[in-house]
């Protein structure tokens, strides 16, 4: 919308931008066919642009899903991702969730 300036998805580290994908460009079709969202399709494309394998990528403000994590790992460069995920819906499966404790002593035991 007007006033948002340029919107892009990027891979950056220590002030250097490695790859960029502008959001006004159509997402890569081969990921859309695999039922990826437009956002995930753009990010998976950015992972393809990396020059080597086995990067670990922390994601900020990106809705993770099991499918997205699997697609990132199964991609050309085998990227391992971590970041924020919902506990319900398409987020982390219940079998992988750790019990939450409000008592500080219990938190330290985990």
PDB file of N, CA and C in Angstrom:
ATOM      1  N   UNK A   1       0.836  -1.185   0.000  1.00  0.00           N
ATOM      2  CA  UNK A   1       0.000   0.000   0.000  1.00  0.00           C
ATOM      3  C   UNK A   1       0.877   1.243   0.000  1.00  0.00           C
ATOM      4  N   UNK A   2       0.297   2.359  -0.314  1.00  0.00           N
ATOM      5  CA  UNK A   2       1.046   3.598  -0.419  1.00  0.00           C
ATOM      6  C   UNK A   2       1.703   3.949   0.913  1.00  0.00           C
ATOM      7  N   UNK A   3       2.959   4.344   0.841  1.00  0.00           N
ATOM      8  CA  UNK A   3       3.682   4.764   2.040  1.00  0.00           C
ATOM      9  C   UNK A   3       4.519   3.677   2.672  1.00  0.00           C
ATOM     10  N   UNK A   4       4.379   2.434   2.214  1.00  0.00           N
ATOM     11  CA  UNK A   4       5.168   1.345   2.787  1.00  0.00           C
ATOM     12  C   UNK A   4       6.569   1.268   2.208  1.00  0.00           C
ATOM     13  N   UNK A   5       6.840   1.984   1.154  1.00  0.00           N
ATOM     14  CA  UNK A   5       8.160   1.936   0.541  1.00  0.00           C
ATOM     15  C   UNK A   5       8.394   0.588  -0.117  1.00  0.00           C
ATOM     16  N   UNK A   6       9.658   0.199  -0.199  1.00  0.00           N
ATOM     17  CA  UNK A   6      10.009  -1.100  -0.774  1.00  0.00           C
ATOM     18  C   UNK A   6       9.818  -2.169   0.277  1.00  0.00           C
ATOM     19  N   UNK A   7       9.126  -3.229  -0.078  1.00  0.00           N
ATOM     20  CA  UNK A   7       8.989  -4.370   0.818  1.00  0.00           C
ATOM     21  C   UNK A   7       9.702  -5.550   0.194  1.00  0.00           C
ATOM     22  N   UNK A   8      10.552  -6.192   0.991  1.00  0.00           N
ATOM     23  CA  UNK A   8      11.346  -7.296   0.468  1.00  0.00           C
ATOM     24  C   UNK A   8      11.634  -8.301   1.566  1.00  0.00           C
ATOM     25  N   UNK A   9      11.862  -9.526   1.156  1.00  0.00           N
ATOM     26  CA  UNK A   9      12.376 -10.557   2.047  1.00  0.00           C
ATOM     27  C   UNK A   9      13.865 -10.657   1.758  1.00  0.00           C
ATOM     28  N   UNK A  10      14.662 -10.741   2.805  1.00  0.00           N
ATOM     29  CA  UNK A  10      16.115 -10.753   2.618  1.00  0.00           C
ATOM     30  C   UNK A  10      16.780 -11.762   3.539  1.00  0.00           C
ATOM     31  N   UNK A  11      17.984 -12.144   3.168  1.00  0.00           N
ATOM     32  CA  UNK A  11      18.881 -12.878   4.059  1.00  0.00           C
ATOM     33  C   UNK A  11      20.038 -11.940   4.347  1.00  0.00           C
ATOM     34  N   UNK A  12      20.176 -11.578   5.619  1.00  0.00           N
ATOM     35  CA  UNK A  12      21.201 -10.618   6.036  1.00  0.00           C
ATOM     36  C   UNK A  12      21.963 -11.161   7.240  1.00  0.00           C
ATOM     37  N   UNK A  13      23.195 -10.712   7.384  1.00  0.00           N
ATOM     38  CA  UNK A  13      23.975 -11.014   8.583  1.00  0.00           C
ATOM     39  C   UNK A  13      25.084  -9.978   8.730  1.00  0.00           C
ATOM     40  N   UNK A  14      25.224  -9.469   9.931  1.00  0.00           N
ATOM     41  CA  UNK A  14      26.293  -8.518  10.270  1.00  0.00           C
ATOM     42  C   UNK A  14      26.366  -7.355   9.284  1.00  0.00           C
ATOM     43  N   UNK A  15      25.210  -6.822   8.908  1.00  0.00           N
ATOM     44  CA  UNK A  15      25.175  -5.650   8.051  1.00  0.00           C
ATOM     45  C   UNK A  15      25.313  -5.927   6.564  1.00  0.00           C
ATOM     46  N   UNK A  16      25.420  -7.191   6.186  1.00  0.00           N
ATOM     47  CA  UNK A  16      25.578  -7.541   4.775  1.00  0.00           C
ATOM     48  C   UNK A  16      24.322  -8.255   4.297  1.00  0.00           C
ATOM     49  N   UNK A  17      23.801  -7.862   3.140  1.00  0.00           N
ATOM     50  CA  UNK A  17      22.639  -8.516   2.545  1.00  0.00           C
ATOM     51  C   UNK A  17      23.134  -9.536   1.525  1.00  0.00           C
ATOM     52  N   UNK A  18      22.807 -10.800   1.743  1.00  0.00           N
ATOM     53  CA  UNK A  18      23.241 -11.873   0.856  1.00  0.00           C
ATOM     54  C   UNK A  18      22.301 -12.066  -0.324  1.00  0.00           C
ATOM     55  N   UNK A  19      21.002 -11.945  -0.056  1.00  0.00           N
ATOM     56  CA  UNK A  19      20.023 -12.183  -1.105  1.00  0.00           C
ATOM     57  C   UNK A  19      18.760 -11.388  -0.796  1.00  0.00           C
ATOM     58  N   UNK A  20      18.055 -11.004  -1.843  1.00  0.00           N
ATOM     59  CA  UNK A  20      16.865 -10.178  -1.659  1.00  0.00           C
ATOM     60  C   UNK A  20      15.801 -10.611  -2.669  1.00  0.00           C
ATOM     61  N   UNK A  21      14.534 -10.581  -2.221  1.00  0.00           N
ATOM     62  CA  UNK A  21      13.406 -10.912  -3.093  1.00  0.00           C
ATOM     63  C   UNK A  21      12.310  -9.887  -2.825  1.00  0.00           C
ATOM     64  N   UNK A  22      12.046  -9.037  -3.805  1.00  0.00           N
ATOM     65  CA  UNK A  22      11.037  -7.997  -3.624  1.00  0.00           C
ATOM     66  C   UNK A  22       9.639  -8.607  -3.650  1.00  0.00           C
ATOM     67  N   UNK A  23       8.782  -8.127  -2.761  1.00  0.00           N
ATOM     68  CA  UNK A  23       7.446  -8.696  -2.608  1.00  0.00           C
ATOM     69  C   UNK A  23       6.493  -8.347  -3.751  1.00  0.00           C
ATOM     70  N   UNK A  24       6.841  -7.388  -4.591  1.00  0.00           N
ATOM     71  CA  UNK A  24       5.975  -7.087  -5.726  1.00  0.00           C
ATOM     72  C   UNK A  24       6.200  -8.064  -6.877  1.00  0.00           C
ATOM     73  N   UNK A  25       7.213  -8.909  -6.773  1.00  0.00           N
ATOM     74  CA  UNK A  25       7.475  -9.927  -7.791  1.00  0.00           C
ATOM     75  C   UNK A  25       6.648 -11.178  -7.470  1.00  0.00           C
ATOM     76  N   UNK A  26       6.158 -11.896  -8.472  1.00  0.00           N
ATOM     77  CA  UNK A  26       5.406 -13.121  -8.190  1.00  0.00           C
ATOM     78  C   UNK A  26       6.299 -14.136  -7.476  1.00  0.00           C
ATOM     79  N   UNK A  27       5.747 -14.889  -6.539  1.00  0.00           N
ATOM     80  CA  UNK A  27       6.562 -15.902  -5.857  1.00  0.00           C
ATOM     81  C   UNK A  27       6.960 -17.005  -6.819  1.00  0.00           C
ATOM     82  N   UNK A  28       8.057 -17.698  -6.544  1.00  0.00           N
ATOM     83  CA  UNK A  28       8.514 -18.775  -7.432  1.00  0.00           C
ATOM     84  C   UNK A  28       7.435 -19.848  -7.603  1.00  0.00           C
ATOM     85  N   UNK A  29       7.060 -20.108  -8.838  1.00  0.00           N
ATOM     86  CA  UNK A  29       5.946 -21.008  -9.138  1.00  0.00           C
ATOM     87  C   UNK A  29       6.182 -22.435  -8.655  1.00  0.00           C
ATOM     88  N   UNK A  30       7.432 -22.919  -8.702  1.00  0.00           N
ATOM     89  CA  UNK A  30       7.669 -24.318  -8.322  1.00  0.00           C
ATOM     90  C   UNK A  30       7.392 -24.563  -6.844  1.00  0.00           C
ATOM     91  N   UNK A  31       7.442 -23.520  -6.016  1.00  0.00           N
ATOM     92  CA  UNK A  31       7.071 -23.689  -4.604  1.00  0.00           C
ATOM     93  C   UNK A  31       5.566 -23.528  -4.407  1.00  0.00           C
ATOM     94  N   UNK A  32       4.944 -22.697  -5.198  1.00  0.00           N
ATOM     95  CA  UNK A  32       3.488 -22.535  -5.115  1.00  0.00           C
ATOM     96  C   UNK A  32       2.811 -23.851  -5.495  1.00  0.00           C
ATOM     97  N   UNK A  33       3.338 -24.524  -6.513  1.00  0.00           N
ATOM     98  CA  UNK A  33       2.806 -25.826  -6.928  1.00  0.00           C
ATOM     99  C   UNK A  33       2.921 -26.842  -5.790  1.00  0.00           C
ATOM    100  N   UNK A  34       3.965 -26.714  -4.973  1.00  0.00           N
ATOM    101  CA  UNK A  34       4.154 -27.620  -3.825  1.00  0.00           C
ATOM    102  C   UNK A  34       3.317 -27.202  -2.621  1.00  0.00           C
ATOM    103  N   UNK A  35       2.377 -26.277  -2.823  1.00  0.00           N
ATOM    104  CA  UNK A  35       1.449 -25.811  -1.788  1.00  0.00           C
ATOM    105  C   UNK A  35       2.119 -24.963  -0.703  1.00  0.00           C
ATOM    106  N   UNK A  36       3.199 -24.275  -1.030  1.00  0.00           N
ATOM    107  CA  UNK A  36       3.826 -23.332  -0.104  1.00  0.00           C
ATOM    108  C   UNK A  36       3.100 -21.993  -0.199  1.00  0.00           C
ATOM    109  N   UNK A  37       3.049 -21.260   0.894  1.00  0.00           N
ATOM    110  CA  UNK A  37       2.499 -19.908   0.843  1.00  0.00           C
ATOM    111  C   UNK A  37       3.450 -19.020   0.039  1.00  0.00           C
ATOM    112  N   UNK A  38       2.975 -17.859  -0.381  1.00  0.00           N
ATOM    113  CA  UNK A  38       3.827 -16.930  -1.129  1.00  0.00           C
ATOM    114  C   UNK A  38       5.043 -16.531  -0.295  1.00  0.00           C
ATOM    115  N   UNK A  39       4.836 -16.282   0.999  1.00  0.00           N
ATOM    116  CA  UNK A  39       5.944 -15.916   1.882  1.00  0.00           C
ATOM    117  C   UNK A  39       6.971 -17.038   1.967  1.00  0.00           C
ATOM    118  N   UNK A  40       6.515 -18.250   2.206  1.00  0.00           N
ATOM    119  CA  UNK A  40       7.445 -19.375   2.307  1.00  0.00           C
ATOM    120  C   UNK A  40       8.136 -19.631   0.974  1.00  0.00           C
ATOM    121  N   UNK A  41       7.433 -19.465  -0.133  1.00  0.00           N
ATOM    122  CA  UNK A  41       8.040 -19.657  -1.453  1.00  0.00           C
ATOM    123  C   UNK A  41       9.192 -18.680  -1.665  1.00  0.00           C
ATOM    124  N   UNK A  42       8.991 -17.429  -1.267  1.00  0.00           N
ATOM    125  CA  UNK A  42      10.068 -16.431  -1.426  1.00  0.00           C
ATOM    126  C   UNK A  42      11.271 -16.775  -0.555  1.00  0.00           C
ATOM    127  N   UNK A  43      11.021 -17.177   0.675  1.00  0.00           N
ATOM    128  CA  UNK A  43      12.134 -17.483   1.592  1.00  0.00           C
ATOM    129  C   UNK A  43      12.879 -18.735   1.133  1.00  0.00           C
ATOM    130  N   UNK A  44      12.161 -19.747   0.682  1.00  0.00           N
ATOM    131  CA  UNK A  44      12.831 -20.949   0.175  1.00  0.00           C
ATOM    132  C   UNK A  44      13.675 -20.623  -1.053  1.00  0.00           C
ATOM    133  N   UNK A  45      13.206 -19.708  -1.892  1.00  0.00           N
ATOM    134  CA  UNK A  45      14.013 -19.256  -3.030  1.00  0.00           C
ATOM    135  C   UNK A  45      15.302 -18.598  -2.530  1.00  0.00           C
ATOM    136  N   UNK A  46      15.190 -17.761  -1.492  1.00  0.00           N
ATOM    137  CA  UNK A  46      16.383 -17.117  -0.941  1.00  0.00           C
ATOM    138  C   UNK A  46      17.381 -18.166  -0.445  1.00  0.00           C
ATOM    139  N   UNK A  47      16.885 -19.226   0.158  1.00  0.00           N
ATOM    140  CA  UNK A  47      17.772 -20.300   0.619  1.00  0.00           C
ATOM    141  C   UNK A  47      18.495 -20.959  -0.560  1.00  0.00           C
ATOM    142  N   UNK A  48      17.820 -21.073  -1.695  1.00  0.00           N
ATOM    143  CA  UNK A  48      18.459 -21.644  -2.892  1.00  0.00           C
ATOM    144  C   UNK A  48      19.629 -20.791  -3.365  1.00  0.00           C
ATOM    145  N   UNK A  49      19.572 -19.504  -3.100  1.00  0.00           N
ATOM    146  CA  UNK A  49      20.605 -18.581  -3.570  1.00  0.00           C
ATOM    147  C   UNK A  49      21.887 -18.635  -2.740  1.00  0.00           C
ATOM    148  N   UNK A  50      21.857 -19.267  -1.584  1.00  0.00           N
ATOM    149  CA  UNK A  50      23.068 -19.380  -0.765  1.00  0.00           C
ATOM    150  C   UNK A  50      24.125 -20.167  -1.521  1.00  0.00           C
ATOM    151  N   UNK A  51      25.382 -19.859  -1.283  1.00  0.00           N
ATOM    152  CA  UNK A  51      26.473 -20.451  -2.059  1.00  0.00           C
ATOM    153  C   UNK A  51      26.933 -21.805  -1.544  1.00  0.00           C
ATOM    154  N   UNK A  52      26.530 -22.182  -0.329  1.00  0.00           N
ATOM    155  CA  UNK A  52      26.916 -23.483   0.194  1.00  0.00           C
ATOM    156  C   UNK A  52      25.814 -24.046   1.086  1.00  0.00           C
ATOM    157  N   UNK A  53      26.042 -25.233   1.628  1.00  0.00           N
ATOM    158  CA  UNK A  53      25.011 -25.957   2.374  1.00  0.00           C
ATOM    159  C   UNK A  53      25.158 -25.784   3.877  1.00  0.00           C
ATOM    160  N   UNK A  54      24.126 -26.243   4.567  1.00  0.00           N
ATOM    161  CA  UNK A  54      24.089 -26.398   6.027  1.00  0.00           C
ATOM    162  C   UNK A  54      24.150 -25.090   6.805  1.00  0.00           C
ATOM    163  N   UNK A  55      23.519 -24.062   6.286  1.00  0.00           N
ATOM    164  CA  UNK A  55      23.387 -22.826   7.059  1.00  0.00           C
ATOM    165  C   UNK A  55      22.326 -23.023   8.132  1.00  0.00           C
ATOM    166  N   UNK A  56      22.428 -22.271   9.199  1.00  0.00           N
ATOM    167  CA  UNK A  56      21.400 -22.216  10.230  1.00  0.00           C
ATOM    168  C   UNK A  56      20.817 -20.814  10.162  1.00  0.00           C
ATOM    169  N   UNK A  57      19.501 -20.728  10.012  1.00  0.00           N
ATOM    170  CA  UNK A  57      18.866 -19.435   9.794  1.00  0.00           C
ATOM    171  C   UNK A  57      17.807 -19.185  10.862  1.00  0.00           C
ATOM    172  N   UNK A  58      17.995 -18.114  11.622  1.00  0.00           N
ATOM    173  CA  UNK A  58      16.994 -17.679  12.586  1.00  0.00           C
ATOM    174  C   UNK A  58      15.999 -16.767  11.897  1.00  0.00           C
ATOM    175  N   UNK A  59      14.722 -17.045  12.084  1.00  0.00           N
ATOM    176  CA  UNK A  59      13.680 -16.303  11.378  1.00  0.00           C
ATOM    177  C   UNK A  59      12.916 -15.419  12.349  1.00  0.00           C
ATOM    178  N   UNK A  60      12.804 -14.168  12.020  1.00  0.00           N
ATOM    179  CA  UNK A  60      12.089 -13.196  12.831  1.00  0.00           C
ATOM    180  C   UNK A  60      10.774 -12.860  12.145  1.00  0.00           C
ATOM    181  N   UNK A  61       9.681 -12.901  12.899  1.00  0.00           N
ATOM    182  CA  UNK A  61       8.365 -12.529  12.378  1.00  0.00           C
ATOM    183  C   UNK A  61       7.947 -13.356  11.169  1.00  0.00           C
ATOM    184  N   UNK A  62       8.291 -14.614  11.178  1.00  0.00           N
ATOM    185  CA  UNK A  62       7.879 -15.504  10.103  1.00  0.00           C
ATOM    186  C   UNK A  62       7.137 -16.671  10.726  1.00  0.00           C
ATOM    187  N   UNK A  63       5.946 -16.949  10.219  1.00  0.00           N
ATOM    188  CA  UNK A  63       5.162 -18.051  10.754  1.00  0.00           C
ATOM    189  C   UNK A  63       5.765 -19.363  10.281  1.00  0.00           C
ATOM    190  N   UNK A  64       6.410 -20.082  11.182  1.00  0.00           N
ATOM    191  CA  UNK A  64       6.992 -21.375  10.853  1.00  0.00           C
ATOM    192  C   UNK A  64       5.931 -22.459  10.832  1.00  0.00           C
ATOM    193  N   UNK A  65       6.180 -23.481  10.077  1.00  0.00           N
ATOM    194  CA  UNK A  65       5.348 -24.672  10.074  1.00  0.00           C
ATOM    195  C   UNK A  65       6.275 -25.861   9.870  1.00  0.00           C
ATOM    196  N   UNK A  66       5.785 -27.027  10.190  1.00  0.00           N
ATOM    197  CA  UNK A  66       6.588 -28.235   9.992  1.00  0.00           C
ATOM    198  C   UNK A  66       6.931 -28.377   8.514  1.00  0.00           C
ATOM    199  N   UNK A  67       5.956 -28.116   7.648  1.00  0.00           N
ATOM    200  CA  UNK A  67       6.205 -28.225   6.203  1.00  0.00           C
ATOM    201  C   UNK A  67       7.313 -27.269   5.762  1.00  0.00           C
ATOM    202  N   UNK A  68       7.283 -26.042   6.238  1.00  0.00           N
ATOM    203  CA  UNK A  68       8.317 -25.073   5.857  1.00  0.00           C
ATOM    204  C   UNK A  68       9.700 -25.544   6.312  1.00  0.00           C
ATOM    205  N   UNK A  69       9.801 -25.999   7.554  1.00  0.00           N
ATOM    206  CA  UNK A  69      11.097 -26.483   8.065  1.00  0.00           C
ATOM    207  C   UNK A  69      11.596 -27.671   7.249  1.00  0.00           C
ATOM    208  N   UNK A  70      10.690 -28.588   6.921  1.00  0.00           N
ATOM    209  CA  UNK A  70      11.074 -29.757   6.129  1.00  0.00           C
ATOM    210  C   UNK A  70      11.507 -29.327   4.724  1.00  0.00           C
ATOM    211  N   UNK A  71      10.746 -28.415   4.102  1.00  0.00           N
ATOM    212  CA  UNK A  71      11.112 -27.944   2.757  1.00  0.00           C
ATOM    213  C   UNK A  71      12.474 -27.253   2.766  1.00  0.00           C
ATOM    214  N   UNK A  72      12.772 -26.502   3.818  1.00  0.00           N
ATOM    215  CA  UNK A  72      14.074 -25.821   3.912  1.00  0.00           C
ATOM    216  C   UNK A  72      15.200 -26.849   4.010  1.00  0.00           C
ATOM    217  N   UNK A  73      14.986 -27.891   4.799  1.00  0.00           N
ATOM    218  CA  UNK A  73      16.028 -28.908   4.974  1.00  0.00           C
ATOM    219  C   UNK A  73      16.179 -29.769   3.723  1.00  0.00           C
ATOM    220  N   UNK A  74      15.081 -30.053   3.056  1.00  0.00           N
ATOM    221  CA  UNK A  74      15.141 -30.909   1.869  1.00  0.00           C
ATOM    222  C   UNK A  74      15.560 -30.147   0.616  1.00  0.00           C
ATOM    223  N   UNK A  75      15.715 -28.838   0.717  1.00  0.00           N
ATOM    224  CA  UNK A  75      16.116 -28.023  -0.428  1.00  0.00           C
ATOM    225  C   UNK A  75      17.565 -28.240  -0.815  1.00  0.00           C
ATOM    226  N   UNK A  76      17.966 -27.573  -1.861  1.00  0.00           N
ATOM    227  CA  UNK A  76      19.311 -27.696  -2.428  1.00  0.00           C
ATOM    228  C   UNK A  76      20.417 -27.476  -1.390  1.00  0.00           C
ATOM    229  N   UNK A  77      20.227 -26.504  -0.495  1.00  0.00           N
ATOM    230  CA  UNK A  77      21.297 -26.141   0.447  1.00  0.00           C
ATOM    231  C   UNK A  77      21.078 -26.624   1.877  1.00  0.00           C
ATOM    232  N   UNK A  78      20.056 -27.435   2.113  1.00  0.00           N
ATOM    233  CA  UNK A  78      19.826 -28.056   3.415  1.00  0.00           C
ATOM    234  C   UNK A  78      19.930 -27.045   4.567  1.00  0.00           C
ATOM    235  N   UNK A  79      19.054 -26.046   4.554  1.00  0.00           N
ATOM    236  CA  UNK A  79      19.062 -24.983   5.558  1.00  0.00           C
ATOM    237  C   UNK A  79      18.279 -25.432   6.788  1.00  0.00           C
ATOM    238  N   UNK A  80      18.899 -25.265   7.955  1.00  0.00           N
ATOM    239  CA  UNK A  80      18.225 -25.546   9.225  1.00  0.00           C
ATOM    240  C   UNK A  80      17.662 -24.232   9.742  1.00  0.00           C
ATOM    241  N   UNK A  81      16.384 -24.224  10.101  1.00  0.00           N
ATOM    242  CA  UNK A  81      15.737 -22.989  10.527  1.00  0.00           C
ATOM    243  C   UNK A  81      15.254 -23.088  11.965  1.00  0.00           C
ATOM    244  N   UNK A  82      15.196 -21.933  12.609  1.00  0.00           N
ATOM    245  CA  UNK A  82      14.600 -21.840  13.941  1.00  0.00           C
ATOM    246  C   UNK A  82      13.942 -20.475  14.061  1.00  0.00           C
ATOM    247  N   UNK A  83      12.991 -20.375  14.965  1.00  0.00           N
ATOM    248  CA  UNK A  83      12.296 -19.112  15.141  1.00  0.00           C
ATOM    249  C   UNK A  83      10.983 -19.315  15.867  1.00  0.00           C
ATOM    250  N   UNK A  84      10.138 -18.319  15.783  1.00  0.00           N
ATOM    251  CA  UNK A  84       8.862 -18.321  16.472  1.00  0.00           C
ATOM    252  C   UNK A  84       7.893 -19.260  15.755  1.00  0.00           C
ATOM    253  N   UNK A  85       7.112 -20.021  16.530  1.00  0.00           N
ATOM    254  CA  UNK A  85       6.096 -20.895  15.946  1.00  0.00           C
ATOM    255  C   UNK A  85       4.876 -20.923  16.855  1.00  0.00           C
ATOM    256  N   UNK A  86       3.716 -21.062  16.265  1.00  0.00           N
ATOM    257  CA  UNK A  86       2.483 -21.205  17.029  1.00  0.00           C
ATOM    258  C   UNK A  86       2.413 -22.610  17.603  1.00  0.00           C
ATOM    259  N   UNK A  87       1.731 -22.733  18.740  1.00  0.00           N
ATOM    260  CA  UNK A  87       1.547 -24.053  19.341  1.00  0.00           C
ATOM    261  C   UNK A  87       0.353 -24.781  18.747  1.00  0.00           C
ATOM    262  N   UNK A  88      -0.495 -24.094  18.012  1.00  0.00           N
ATOM    263  CA  UNK A  88      -1.691 -24.712  17.448  1.00  0.00           C
ATOM    264  C   UNK A  88      -1.698 -24.537  15.943  1.00  0.00           C
ATOM    265  N   UNK A  89      -2.670 -25.142  15.307  1.00  0.00           N
ATOM    266  CA  UNK A  89      -2.806 -24.997  13.855  1.00  0.00           C
ATOM    267  C   UNK A  89      -1.663 -25.668  13.118  1.00  0.00           C
ATOM    268  N   UNK A  90      -1.008 -24.920  12.235  1.00  0.00           N
ATOM    269  CA  UNK A  90       0.080 -25.486  11.431  1.00  0.00           C
ATOM    270  C   UNK A  90       1.433 -25.323  12.105  1.00  0.00           C
ATOM    271  N   UNK A  91       1.456 -24.977  13.359  1.00  0.00           N
ATOM    272  CA  UNK A  91       2.705 -24.754  14.069  1.00  0.00           C
ATOM    273  C   UNK A  91       3.387 -26.045  14.485  1.00  0.00           C
ATOM    274  N   UNK A  92       3.809 -26.118  15.725  1.00  0.00           N
ATOM    275  CA  UNK A  92       4.545 -27.265  16.244  1.00  0.00           C
ATOM    276  C   UNK A  92       3.558 -28.366  16.624  1.00  0.00           C
ATOM    277  N   UNK A  93       3.767 -29.605  16.154  1.00  0.00           N
ATOM    278  CA  UNK A  93       2.871 -30.690  16.530  1.00  0.00           C
ATOM    279  C   UNK A  93       2.897 -30.917  18.047  1.00  0.00           C
ATOM    280  N   UNK A  94       1.767 -31.324  18.590  1.00  0.00           N
ATOM    281  CA  UNK A  94       1.647 -31.516  20.034  1.00  0.00           C
ATOM    282  C   UNK A  94       2.688 -32.499  20.579  1.00  0.00           C
ATOM    283  N   UNK A  95       3.026 -33.523  19.808  1.00  0.00           N
ATOM    284  CA  UNK A  95       3.981 -34.527  20.279  1.00  0.00           C
ATOM    285  C   UNK A  95       5.386 -33.951  20.461  1.00  0.00           C
ATOM    286  N   UNK A  96       5.666 -32.770  19.891  1.00  0.00           N
ATOM    287  CA  UNK A  96       6.986 -32.149  19.992  1.00  0.00           C
ATOM    288  C   UNK A  96       7.041 -31.025  21.019  1.00  0.00           C
ATOM    289  N   UNK A  97       5.895 -30.700  21.622  1.00  0.00           N
ATOM    290  CA  UNK A  97       5.854 -29.564  22.534  1.00  0.00           C
ATOM    291  C   UNK A  97       6.328 -29.952  23.925  1.00  0.00           C
ATOM    292  N   UNK A  98       7.031 -29.038  24.527  1.00  0.00           N
ATOM    293  CA  UNK A  98       7.523 -29.209  25.888  1.00  0.00           C
ATOM    294  C   UNK A  98       6.527 -28.570  26.851  1.00  0.00           C
ATOM    295  N   UNK A  99       6.307 -29.199  27.977  1.00  0.00           N
ATOM    296  CA  UNK A  99       5.383 -28.662  28.962  1.00  0.00           C
ATOM    297  C   UNK A  99       5.904 -27.323  29.476  1.00  0.00           C
ATOM    298  N   UNK A 100       4.981 -26.372  29.647  1.00  0.00           N
ATOM    299  CA  UNK A 100       5.357 -25.053  30.157  1.00  0.00           C
ATOM    300  C   UNK A 100       5.131 -25.007  31.667  1.00  0.00           C
ATOM    301  N   UNK A 101       6.095 -24.428  32.376  1.00  0.00           N
ATOM    302  CA  UNK A 101       6.002 -24.280  33.820  1.00  0.00           C
ATOM    303  C   UNK A 101       6.046 -22.807  34.191  1.00  0.00           C
ATOM    304  N   UNK A 102       5.197 -22.396  35.127  1.00  0.00           N
ATOM    305  CA  UNK A 102       5.218 -21.003  35.577  1.00  0.00           C
ATOM    306  C   UNK A 102       6.122 -20.827  36.795  1.00  0.00           C
ATOM    307  N   UNK A 103       6.398 -21.887  37.500  1.00  0.00           N
ATOM    308  CA  UNK A 103       7.269 -21.840  38.682  1.00  0.00           C
ATOM    309  C   UNK A 103       8.737 -21.805  38.239  1.00  0.00           C
ATOM    310  N   UNK A 104       9.515 -20.790  38.660  1.00  0.00           N
ATOM    311  CA  UNK A 104      10.921 -20.684  38.237  1.00  0.00           C
ATOM    312  C   UNK A 104      11.755 -21.928  38.564  1.00  0.00           C
ATOM    313  N   UNK A 105      11.475 -22.571  39.689  1.00  0.00           N
ATOM    314  CA  UNK A 105      12.250 -23.764  40.055  1.00  0.00           C
ATOM    315  C   UNK A 105      12.018 -24.882  39.042  1.00  0.00           C
ATOM    316  N   UNK A 106      10.755 -25.078  38.657  1.00  0.00           N
ATOM    317  CA  UNK A 106      10.422 -26.100  37.657  1.00  0.00           C
ATOM    318  C   UNK A 106      11.037 -25.756  36.298  1.00  0.00           C
ATOM    319  N   UNK A 107      11.075 -24.463  35.948  1.00  0.00           N
ATOM    320  CA  UNK A 107      11.657 -24.052  34.680  1.00  0.00           C
ATOM    321  C   UNK A 107      13.131 -24.416  34.617  1.00  0.00           C
ATOM    322  N   UNK A 108      13.835 -24.248  35.725  1.00  0.00           N
ATOM    323  CA  UNK A 108      15.266 -24.567  35.740  1.00  0.00           C
ATOM    324  C   UNK A 108      15.519 -26.065  35.676  1.00  0.00           C
ATOM    325  N   UNK A 109      14.586 -26.868  36.166  1.00  0.00           N
ATOM    326  CA  UNK A 109      14.762 -28.324  36.114  1.00  0.00           C
ATOM    327  C   UNK A 109      14.684 -28.860  34.689  1.00  0.00           C
ATOM    328  N   UNK A 110      13.972 -28.131  33.852  1.00  0.00           N
ATOM    329  CA  UNK A 110      13.813 -28.573  32.473  1.00  0.00           C
ATOM    330  C   UNK A 110      15.084 -28.254  31.756  1.00  0.00           C
TER     331      UNK A 110
END
